[in-house]
């Protein structure tokens, strides 16, 4: 609790991606209605074609039935913006809540009573604005009369702004329905995500705000940037990923202009290898800290040319391979610190000259896993007092095994030039929600890391 108290003295800027998560708890009769609407033969035919994106309603029904039949969680991009109305007319959403890394992190830090949380998203429709928590420490930057001002996001929305809705269809094992003469029983519980990927949703800072980024940077202790997975390789107006990545680089440089503010990049899975490579090479060298999970570090190493190491991480998931990958990444990308979170452990990799001791780095990770355990237990974190709930969650049953394997890895690898620390995660057996746990870990780790640096006069 003491470290959390120190972290709450900080001011943080977070951008860019927010969306509405609209959740449907699927019932067998709902699926049956969809199949009957299009006909089992047409659905089967489209399932065989296996559409990679959703352009029309039958694409959705075919991929949904496929996911239910296999019981595997899946995410398919929705590219036709006009289908909003079709979805809204066919489904009543059981839950609508904040989605997107920047939005989730902003609400989390505001609820934890951080000194000041400034959140920026280039699109702020009224519905999106209302998803932000009603806290007096939460601000959205607005330019009025060519001056920078701050309003609560709920007061800063713009009529006519596009909205990104990710529709999440939660399904349960045992649900049954018919596809023609075939009876399908869902073998495992999971979720099918229809993720909006529209051209109107861009990851950038609007031109009127960009000149004020140095001022924003001077008002905060750290910045958490995310959402780059939403950049497209090409746009219909002739612009491409290079255009938006150039702007993203300029944004980071502008944020650091008046004060060398620490910047954390939260990396999310980018399916396209070419785009992944562009994000890594353009942005990683400009930031201080990066957060990711173990599959994402494998993807990154593959993009950097370390395909054998990447394959080993994917296949065996050994701690020693993750440590080796972390060392490569902080050296090649000149990072100050790298944070890797997995279901069973969280790890920091940094250089030996980092101002924090290994013990202090472990305290930071401890805060991060406790926050995530709190969120998993309660579904959301509403106040700093909730943190006590996470403290009661035990470490996962593989904790001792993790420590043993880590000590083995350190003996095998040269780590004298590095500080590498690892802690087992606190694992909730039946989580109320798993959405945003990675974001919670990264926000908790980065802000507590900054708090410890500040205490030492290094910030």
Protein backbone atom coordinates (compact mmCIF):
# COMPACT_ATOMS: atom_id res chain seq x y z
CA UNK A 1 0.00 0.00 0.00
CA UNK A 2 2.91 2.35 0.73
CA UNK A 3 4.27 2.17 -2.83
CA UNK A 4 0.77 2.71 -4.23
CA UNK A 5 0.50 5.81 -2.05
CA UNK A 6 3.75 7.14 -3.58
CA UNK A 7 2.60 6.32 -7.12
CA UNK A 8 -0.64 8.23 -6.54
CA UNK A 9 1.39 11.45 -6.23
CA UNK A 10 2.16 11.22 -9.95
CA UNK A 11 0.52 12.88 -12.97
CA UNK A 12 0.19 10.67 -16.06
CA UNK A 13 -0.72 11.27 -19.71
CA UNK A 14 -2.27 8.37 -21.64
CA UNK A 15 -3.26 8.08 -25.32
CA UNK A 16 -4.62 6.98 -27.96
CA UNK A 17 -7.04 4.10 -28.22
CA UNK A 18 -10.48 3.96 -26.63
CA UNK A 19 -13.53 2.06 -27.70
CA UNK A 20 -16.83 0.76 -26.37
CA UNK A 21 -16.85 -2.94 -25.48
CA UNK A 22 -20.41 -4.15 -26.12
CA UNK A 23 -20.85 -7.60 -24.59
CA UNK A 24 -23.50 -10.20 -25.46
CA UNK A 25 -23.93 -13.39 -23.41
CA UNK A 26 -24.93 -15.76 -26.21
CA UNK A 27 -27.84 -18.17 -25.92
CA UNK A 28 -28.54 -21.11 -28.20
CA UNK A 29 -31.83 -19.59 -29.46
CA UNK A 30 -30.05 -16.38 -30.49
CA UNK A 31 -27.60 -18.36 -32.65
CA UNK A 32 -30.50 -20.43 -34.04
CA UNK A 33 -32.35 -17.27 -35.14
CA UNK A 34 -29.26 -16.04 -37.01
CA UNK A 35 -28.83 -19.38 -38.82
CA UNK A 36 -32.54 -19.46 -39.73
CA UNK A 37 -32.35 -15.89 -41.07
CA UNK A 38 -29.72 -16.80 -43.67
CA UNK A 39 -30.38 -20.54 -44.07
CA UNK A 40 -28.13 -23.39 -42.95
CA UNK A 41 -26.88 -24.10 -46.51
CA UNK A 42 -25.71 -20.50 -47.07
CA UNK A 43 -24.06 -20.40 -43.63
CA UNK A 44 -22.23 -23.70 -44.29
CA UNK A 45 -21.03 -22.48 -47.69
CA UNK A 46 -19.65 -19.27 -46.17
CA UNK A 47 -18.00 -21.25 -43.34
CA UNK A 48 -16.09 -23.23 -45.98
CA UNK A 49 -14.95 -19.96 -47.59
CA UNK A 50 -13.76 -18.85 -44.08
CA UNK A 51 -13.92 -15.05 -44.48
CA UNK A 52 -10.94 -13.29 -42.82
CA UNK A 53 -12.94 -10.11 -42.22
CA UNK A 54 -16.59 -9.16 -41.79
CA UNK A 55 -17.98 -7.29 -44.76
CA UNK A 56 -21.59 -8.46 -44.61
CA UNK A 57 -23.78 -10.11 -41.94
CA UNK A 58 -23.38 -13.67 -43.24
CA UNK A 59 -19.58 -13.38 -42.81
CA UNK A 60 -20.23 -12.77 -39.12
CA UNK A 61 -22.69 -15.65 -38.73
CA UNK A 62 -20.34 -18.09 -40.51
CA UNK A 63 -17.30 -17.20 -38.38
CA UNK A 64 -19.39 -17.16 -35.18
CA UNK A 65 -20.78 -20.66 -35.84
CA UNK A 66 -17.23 -21.86 -36.62
CA UNK A 67 -15.97 -20.45 -33.31
CA UNK A 68 -18.85 -22.03 -31.39
CA UNK A 69 -18.31 -25.40 -33.09
CA UNK A 70 -14.61 -25.48 -32.14
CA UNK A 71 -15.05 -23.70 -28.80
CA UNK A 72 -11.99 -21.57 -29.56
CA UNK A 73 -11.79 -17.84 -28.75
CA UNK A 74 -11.47 -15.79 -31.93
CA UNK A 75 -11.33 -12.16 -33.08
CA UNK A 76 -12.34 -11.10 -36.58
CA UNK A 77 -12.13 -7.51 -37.88
CA UNK A 78 -15.30 -5.72 -38.96
CA UNK A 79 -14.42 -3.52 -41.95
CA UNK A 80 -17.85 -2.35 -43.12
CA UNK A 81 -18.90 0.64 -40.99
CA UNK A 82 -22.51 0.38 -42.22
CA UNK A 83 -22.99 -2.88 -40.30
CA UNK A 84 -23.26 -0.96 -37.01
CA UNK A 85 -27.04 -0.71 -37.58
CA UNK A 86 -27.40 -4.41 -38.41
CA UNK A 87 -25.66 -5.46 -35.18
CA UNK A 88 -27.62 -2.97 -33.08
CA UNK A 89 -30.93 -4.20 -34.52
CA UNK A 90 -30.08 -7.88 -33.94
CA UNK A 91 -28.57 -7.79 -30.46
CA UNK A 92 -29.35 -6.35 -27.06
CA UNK A 93 -26.02 -5.76 -25.32
CA UNK A 94 -25.84 -7.18 -21.79
CA UNK A 95 -22.92 -4.92 -20.81
CA UNK A 96 -21.40 -1.82 -22.38
CA UNK A 97 -18.12 -0.61 -20.89
CA UNK A 98 -14.86 1.16 -21.57
CA UNK A 99 -12.48 -0.68 -23.87
CA UNK A 100 -9.12 0.18 -25.42
CA UNK A 101 -5.84 0.39 -23.52
CA UNK A 102 -5.74 4.19 -23.10
CA UNK A 103 -9.34 4.31 -21.85
CA UNK A 104 -8.93 1.39 -19.44
CA UNK A 105 -5.68 2.83 -18.02
CA UNK A 106 -7.14 6.35 -17.66
CA UNK A 107 -10.13 5.05 -15.67
CA UNK A 108 -7.90 2.81 -13.53
CA UNK A 109 -5.48 5.61 -12.55
CA UNK A 110 -8.32 8.10 -11.97
CA UNK A 111 -10.10 5.61 -9.67
CA UNK A 112 -6.82 5.03 -7.80
CA UNK A 113 -6.79 8.79 -7.07
CA UNK A 114 -3.62 9.67 -8.99
CA UNK A 115 -2.82 13.38 -8.75
CA UNK A 116 -3.74 14.08 -12.37
CA UNK A 117 -4.66 11.85 -15.30
CA UNK A 118 -4.74 13.41 -18.76
CA UNK A 119 -6.27 11.16 -21.39
CA UNK A 120 -6.29 11.81 -25.12
CA UNK A 121 -8.13 10.01 -27.85
CA UNK A 122 -8.56 11.59 -31.31
CA UNK A 123 -12.22 10.50 -31.43
CA UNK A 124 -14.51 11.40 -28.56
CA UNK A 125 -18.17 10.77 -29.33
CA UNK A 126 -20.70 11.38 -26.54
CA UNK A 127 -21.23 7.66 -25.90
CA UNK A 128 -17.47 7.14 -25.58
CA UNK A 129 -17.06 10.18 -23.32
CA UNK A 130 -19.67 8.79 -20.91
CA UNK A 131 -17.58 5.64 -20.45
CA UNK A 132 -14.95 7.66 -18.56
CA UNK A 133 -15.28 7.65 -14.77
CA UNK A 134 -16.68 10.79 -13.17
CA UNK A 135 -13.59 11.78 -11.19
CA UNK A 136 -12.22 15.31 -10.64
CA UNK A 137 -8.61 14.24 -11.35
CA UNK A 138 -9.38 13.09 -14.93
CA UNK A 139 -8.85 15.56 -17.79
CA UNK A 140 -9.04 15.74 -21.57
CA UNK A 141 -6.90 18.35 -23.43
CA UNK A 142 -8.92 20.90 -25.41
CA UNK A 143 -7.70 23.84 -27.52
CA UNK A 144 -9.87 26.96 -27.09
CA UNK A 145 -8.93 30.40 -28.47
CA UNK A 146 -5.55 28.92 -29.43
CA UNK A 147 -4.85 28.07 -25.78
CA UNK A 148 -4.57 24.69 -24.07
CA UNK A 149 -7.29 23.99 -21.52
CA UNK A 150 -8.43 20.83 -19.74
CA UNK A 151 -11.97 19.52 -19.30
CA UNK A 152 -13.40 16.29 -17.99
CA UNK A 153 -13.82 13.90 -20.99
CA UNK A 154 -17.61 13.91 -20.40
CA UNK A 155 -17.63 17.66 -21.11
CA UNK A 156 -15.21 17.50 -24.05
CA UNK A 157 -17.07 15.20 -26.47
CA UNK A 158 -17.66 16.26 -30.06
CA UNK A 159 -20.90 15.72 -31.94
CA UNK A 160 -20.37 13.68 -35.07
CA UNK A 161 -17.11 12.02 -33.97
CA UNK A 162 -16.89 8.36 -35.06
CA UNK A 163 -17.13 5.68 -32.40
CA UNK A 164 -15.32 2.36 -32.29
CA UNK A 165 -17.45 -0.46 -30.89
CA UNK A 166 -15.91 -3.87 -30.29
CA UNK A 167 -18.66 -6.44 -29.94
CA UNK A 168 -17.78 -9.34 -27.65
CA UNK A 169 -19.91 -12.48 -27.83
CA UNK A 170 -19.32 -14.58 -24.69
CA UNK A 171 -20.27 -18.24 -25.19
CA UNK A 172 -20.61 -21.07 -22.69
CA UNK A 173 -19.77 -24.76 -22.98
CA UNK A 174 -22.90 -26.88 -23.43
CA UNK A 175 -24.86 -24.32 -25.49
CA UNK A 176 -26.68 -26.16 -28.31
CA UNK A 177 -28.25 -25.20 -31.65
CA UNK A 178 -28.87 -26.77 -35.07
CA UNK A 179 -27.10 -26.16 -38.37
CA UNK A 180 -29.53 -27.87 -40.71
CA UNK A 181 -29.70 -31.51 -39.60
CA UNK A 182 -26.49 -31.20 -37.52
CA UNK A 183 -26.81 -30.53 -33.78
CA UNK A 184 -23.89 -28.48 -32.47
CA UNK A 185 -22.90 -28.44 -28.79
CA UNK A 186 -20.29 -25.84 -27.81
CA UNK A 187 -17.32 -27.81 -26.32
CA UNK A 188 -15.59 -24.99 -24.39
CA UNK A 189 -16.47 -21.56 -23.01
CA UNK A 190 -14.87 -18.58 -24.74
CA UNK A 191 -15.49 -15.37 -26.58
CA UNK A 192 -15.89 -14.27 -30.19
CA UNK A 193 -14.78 -10.68 -30.75
CA UNK A 194 -15.91 -8.55 -33.68
CA UNK A 195 -13.29 -5.79 -33.61
CA UNK A 196 -14.08 -2.59 -35.50
CA UNK A 197 -11.33 -1.69 -37.99
CA UNK A 198 -12.64 1.40 -39.74
CA UNK A 199 -10.70 3.97 -41.73
CA UNK A 200 -12.48 6.75 -39.84
CA UNK A 201 -10.77 5.64 -36.59
CA UNK A 202 -7.20 6.92 -36.71
CA UNK A 203 -4.35 6.67 -34.20
CA UNK A 204 -2.88 10.16 -34.16
CA UNK A 205 -2.88 13.54 -32.39
CA UNK A 206 -5.12 16.06 -34.13
CA UNK A 207 -3.28 18.97 -35.76
CA UNK A 208 -4.74 21.67 -33.45
CA UNK A 209 -3.44 19.87 -30.32
CA UNK A 210 0.02 18.84 -31.59
CA UNK A 211 1.75 22.21 -30.88
CA UNK A 212 0.69 21.83 -27.23
CA UNK A 213 2.25 18.37 -26.69
CA UNK A 214 5.43 19.89 -25.14
CA UNK A 215 3.20 21.72 -22.63
CA UNK A 216 1.33 18.49 -21.81
CA UNK A 217 4.68 16.69 -21.40
CA UNK A 218 5.86 19.35 -18.95
CA UNK A 219 2.77 18.80 -16.75
CA UNK A 220 3.19 15.05 -16.24
CA UNK A 221 5.67 12.56 -14.76
CA UNK A 222 5.10 9.91 -17.39
CA UNK A 223 3.16 9.01 -20.53
CA UNK A 224 1.59 5.67 -21.47
CA UNK A 225 0.98 5.33 -25.21
CA UNK A 226 -0.92 2.50 -26.89
CA UNK A 227 -3.18 1.61 -29.79
CA UNK A 228 -0.62 1.40 -32.59
CA UNK A 229 -2.10 -1.97 -33.56
CA UNK A 230 -4.98 0.08 -35.04
CA UNK A 231 -2.77 1.61 -37.76
CA UNK A 232 -3.46 0.28 -41.26
CA UNK A 233 -0.80 -0.41 -43.87
CA UNK A 234 -2.71 1.62 -46.47
CA UNK A 235 -5.62 4.08 -46.49
CA UNK A 236 -8.01 4.94 -49.30
CA UNK A 237 -6.89 8.62 -49.26
CA UNK A 238 -3.38 7.58 -50.30
CA UNK A 239 -1.81 7.81 -46.85
CA UNK A 240 -0.12 4.75 -45.36
CA UNK A 241 1.33 3.36 -42.12
CA UNK A 242 4.58 5.30 -42.68
CA UNK A 243 2.65 8.58 -42.61
CA UNK A 244 0.99 7.81 -39.26
CA UNK A 245 4.17 6.34 -37.74
CA UNK A 246 6.09 9.48 -38.70
CA UNK A 247 3.43 11.50 -36.85
CA UNK A 248 3.61 9.10 -33.89
CA UNK A 249 7.41 9.60 -33.69
CA UNK A 250 6.95 13.37 -33.80
CA UNK A 251 4.36 13.13 -30.97
CA UNK A 252 6.87 11.36 -28.68
CA UNK A 253 9.62 13.87 -29.52
CA UNK A 254 7.21 16.77 -28.84
CA UNK A 255 6.09 15.27 -25.49
CA UNK A 256 9.76 15.15 -24.42
CA UNK A 257 10.72 18.60 -25.75
CA UNK A 258 10.29 20.71 -22.57
CA UNK A 259 11.02 17.90 -20.12
CA UNK A 260 12.47 14.45 -20.73
CA UNK A 261 9.28 12.80 -19.58
CA UNK A 262 9.42 8.98 -19.32
CA UNK A 263 7.32 7.28 -22.02
CA UNK A 264 5.94 3.75 -21.83
CA UNK A 265 4.63 1.99 -24.93
CA UNK A 266 2.10 -0.76 -24.33
CA UNK A 267 2.51 -3.22 -27.19
CA UNK A 268 -0.45 -5.25 -28.40
CA UNK A 269 -0.53 -8.06 -30.92
CA UNK A 270 -0.09 -6.89 -34.52
CA UNK A 271 -0.96 -9.73 -36.91
CA UNK A 272 0.69 -8.22 -39.99
CA UNK A 273 4.47 -8.82 -39.82
CA UNK A 274 5.30 -5.82 -42.02
CA UNK A 275 3.31 -3.43 -39.82
CA UNK A 276 4.70 -5.00 -36.65
CA UNK A 277 8.24 -4.40 -37.90
CA UNK A 278 7.45 -0.77 -38.75
CA UNK A 279 6.02 -0.08 -35.26
CA UNK A 280 9.05 -1.71 -33.56
CA UNK A 281 11.75 0.06 -35.59
CA UNK A 282 10.03 3.45 -35.61
CA UNK A 283 8.79 3.75 -32.03
CA UNK A 284 10.73 1.48 -29.66
CA UNK A 285 14.01 3.49 -29.93
CA UNK A 286 12.15 6.69 -28.87
CA UNK A 287 10.48 5.35 -25.71
CA UNK A 288 11.93 4.42 -22.30
CA UNK A 289 9.76 1.46 -21.39
CA UNK A 290 7.75 -1.21 -23.24
CA UNK A 291 5.20 -3.68 -21.86
CA UNK A 292 4.03 -6.90 -23.53
CA UNK A 293 3.10 -10.54 -22.96
CA UNK A 294 5.24 -13.57 -23.88
CA UNK A 295 3.54 -14.22 -27.23
CA UNK A 296 4.13 -10.58 -28.18
CA UNK A 297 7.87 -10.78 -27.37
CA UNK A 298 8.02 -13.89 -29.59
CA UNK A 299 6.33 -11.98 -32.44
CA UNK A 300 8.73 -9.05 -31.97
CA UNK A 301 11.84 -11.26 -31.98
CA UNK A 302 10.58 -12.91 -35.14
CA UNK A 303 10.20 -9.49 -36.80
CA UNK A 304 13.78 -8.60 -35.70
CA UNK A 305 15.16 -11.74 -37.37
CA UNK A 306 15.47 -14.02 -34.33
CA UNK A 307 13.11 -16.67 -35.71
CA UNK A 308 14.64 -19.68 -33.88
CA UNK A 309 14.43 -17.96 -30.48
CA UNK A 310 10.90 -16.79 -31.33
CA UNK A 311 9.86 -20.37 -32.20
CA UNK A 312 11.36 -21.67 -28.93
CA UNK A 313 9.32 -19.15 -26.89
CA UNK A 314 6.14 -20.12 -28.76
CA UNK A 315 6.81 -23.88 -28.47
CA UNK A 316 8.37 -24.34 -25.02
CA UNK A 317 7.67 -21.08 -23.18
CA UNK A 318 10.91 -21.43 -21.17
CA UNK A 319 11.91 -18.59 -18.86
CA UNK A 320 15.52 -18.67 -20.09
CA UNK A 321 14.38 -17.95 -23.68
CA UNK A 322 12.21 -15.05 -22.52
CA UNK A 323 15.16 -13.59 -20.54
CA UNK A 324 17.44 -13.93 -23.57
CA UNK A 325 14.78 -12.27 -25.76
CA UNK A 326 14.42 -9.44 -23.23
CA UNK A 327 18.20 -8.82 -23.21
CA UNK A 328 18.25 -8.65 -27.02
CA UNK A 329 15.32 -6.24 -27.07
CA UNK A 330 16.61 -3.69 -24.55
CA UNK A 331 20.02 -3.68 -26.27
CA UNK A 332 18.85 -3.47 -29.87
CA UNK A 333 16.11 -0.92 -29.16
CA UNK A 334 18.03 1.03 -26.51
CA UNK A 335 15.22 0.66 -23.96
CA UNK A 336 15.61 1.68 -20.33
CA UNK A 337 13.32 -1.08 -19.09
CA UNK A 338 11.22 -3.92 -20.51
CA UNK A 339 8.26 -5.49 -18.71
CA UNK A 340 6.92 -8.89 -19.77
CA UNK A 341 3.74 -10.27 -18.23
CA UNK A 342 2.50 -13.86 -18.50
CA UNK A 343 -0.19 -15.78 -16.68
CA UNK A 344 2.33 -17.24 -14.18
CA UNK A 345 4.99 -14.52 -13.80
CA UNK A 346 5.94 -10.89 -14.48
CA UNK A 347 9.50 -9.94 -15.42
CA UNK A 348 11.60 -6.79 -15.68
CA UNK A 349 14.73 -6.66 -17.84
CA UNK A 350 16.90 -3.57 -17.50
CA UNK A 351 20.60 -2.67 -17.62
CA UNK A 352 22.88 -3.07 -14.59
CA UNK A 353 23.22 0.71 -14.21
CA UNK A 354 19.49 1.20 -13.61
CA UNK A 355 19.09 3.43 -10.50
CA UNK A 356 16.69 0.97 -8.85
CA UNK A 357 17.91 -2.07 -6.96
CA UNK A 358 16.59 -5.55 -7.80
CA UNK A 359 14.56 -5.44 -4.58
CA UNK A 360 12.92 -2.14 -5.62
CA UNK A 361 12.18 -3.50 -9.09
CA UNK A 362 10.48 -6.49 -7.45
CA UNK A 363 8.37 -4.14 -5.28
CA UNK A 364 7.15 -2.49 -8.49
CA UNK A 365 6.18 -5.84 -10.02
CA UNK A 366 4.52 -6.83 -6.75
CA UNK A 367 2.27 -3.78 -6.94
CA UNK A 368 1.43 -4.61 -10.56
CA UNK A 369 0.32 -8.20 -9.91
CA UNK A 370 -1.67 -7.15 -6.83
CA UNK A 371 -3.57 -4.54 -8.88
CA UNK A 372 -4.32 -7.15 -11.56
CA UNK A 373 -5.53 -9.63 -8.89
CA UNK A 374 -7.79 -6.90 -7.52
CA UNK A 375 -9.29 -6.23 -10.94
CA UNK A 376 -9.77 -9.95 -11.64
CA UNK A 377 -11.48 -10.40 -8.24
CA UNK A 378 -13.81 -7.39 -8.46
CA UNK A 379 -14.19 -6.90 -12.22
CA UNK A 380 -13.06 -3.29 -11.78
CA UNK A 381 -11.09 -1.11 -9.36
CA UNK A 382 -13.20 1.71 -7.94
CA UNK A 383 -10.91 3.12 -5.23
CA UNK A 384 -7.42 2.76 -3.69
CA UNK A 385 -8.99 0.77 -0.83
CA UNK A 386 -9.85 -2.03 -3.29
CA UNK A 387 -6.10 -2.79 -3.46
CA UNK A 388 -6.43 -4.73 -0.18
CA UNK A 389 -8.55 -7.33 -2.00
CA UNK A 390 -5.60 -8.16 -4.29
CA UNK A 391 -3.28 -8.58 -1.31
CA UNK A 392 -5.43 -11.51 -0.14
CA UNK A 393 -5.09 -13.36 -3.48
CA UNK A 394 -2.44 -16.11 -3.25
CA UNK A 395 0.45 -16.49 -5.69
CA UNK A 396 -0.20 -19.07 -8.40
CA UNK A 397 0.62 -22.72 -7.69
CA UNK A 398 3.60 -22.61 -10.08
CA UNK A 399 5.27 -19.83 -8.09
CA UNK A 400 8.09 -21.97 -6.63
CA UNK A 401 8.68 -23.65 -9.99
CA UNK A 402 8.95 -20.19 -11.64
CA UNK A 403 11.59 -19.08 -9.09
CA UNK A 404 13.57 -22.31 -9.61
CA UNK A 405 13.53 -22.02 -13.41
CA UNK A 406 14.52 -18.35 -13.16
CA UNK A 407 17.57 -19.14 -11.02
CA UNK A 408 18.55 -21.83 -13.56
CA UNK A 409 18.15 -19.34 -16.40
CA UNK A 410 20.39 -16.80 -14.64
CA UNK A 411 23.11 -19.44 -14.19
CA UNK A 412 22.97 -20.37 -17.89
CA UNK A 413 22.89 -16.85 -19.29
CA UNK A 414 25.25 -13.92 -18.85
CA UNK A 415 23.24 -11.44 -16.81
CA UNK A 416 26.04 -9.45 -15.13
CA UNK A 417 25.40 -6.45 -17.39
CA UNK A 418 21.67 -6.57 -16.63
CA UNK A 419 19.20 -6.50 -13.79
CA UNK A 420 16.59 -9.19 -14.42
CA UNK A 421 13.89 -9.77 -11.81
CA UNK A 422 10.84 -12.00 -11.80
CA UNK A 423 7.90 -12.56 -9.47
CA UNK A 424 5.07 -15.11 -9.62
CA UNK A 425 1.63 -13.65 -10.31
CA UNK A 426 -1.23 -13.57 -7.86
CA UNK A 427 -3.81 -15.67 -9.72
CA UNK A 428 -7.58 -15.49 -9.20
CA UNK A 429 -9.19 -18.91 -9.69
CA UNK A 430 -12.55 -17.67 -11.01
CA UNK A 431 -12.01 -14.11 -12.27
CA UNK A 432 -15.04 -11.82 -12.56
CA UNK A 433 -13.37 -10.40 -15.68
CA UNK A 434 -10.10 -10.87 -17.57
CA UNK A 435 -10.46 -7.79 -19.80
CA UNK A 436 -7.75 -5.20 -19.19
CA UNK A 437 -5.57 -7.32 -16.87
CA UNK A 438 -2.46 -6.81 -19.03
CA UNK A 439 -3.12 -3.05 -19.15
CA UNK A 440 -3.55 -3.01 -15.36
CA UNK A 441 -0.22 -4.81 -14.86
CA UNK A 442 1.62 -2.46 -17.20
CA UNK A 443 0.10 0.72 -15.74
CA UNK A 444 0.82 -0.48 -12.19
CA UNK A 445 4.40 -1.48 -13.03
CA UNK A 446 5.29 1.69 -14.95
CA UNK A 447 3.79 4.15 -12.47
CA UNK A 448 5.34 2.43 -9.43
CA UNK A 449 8.69 2.34 -11.30
CA UNK A 450 8.39 6.12 -11.81
CA UNK A 451 7.45 6.64 -8.14
CA UNK A 452 10.59 4.79 -7.02
CA UNK A 453 12.76 6.78 -9.46
CA UNK A 454 11.22 10.02 -8.18
CA UNK A 455 11.96 9.05 -4.58
CA UNK A 456 15.63 8.64 -5.56
CA UNK A 457 15.69 12.01 -7.33
CA UNK A 458 16.09 10.29 -10.72
CA UNK A 459 12.88 11.68 -12.27
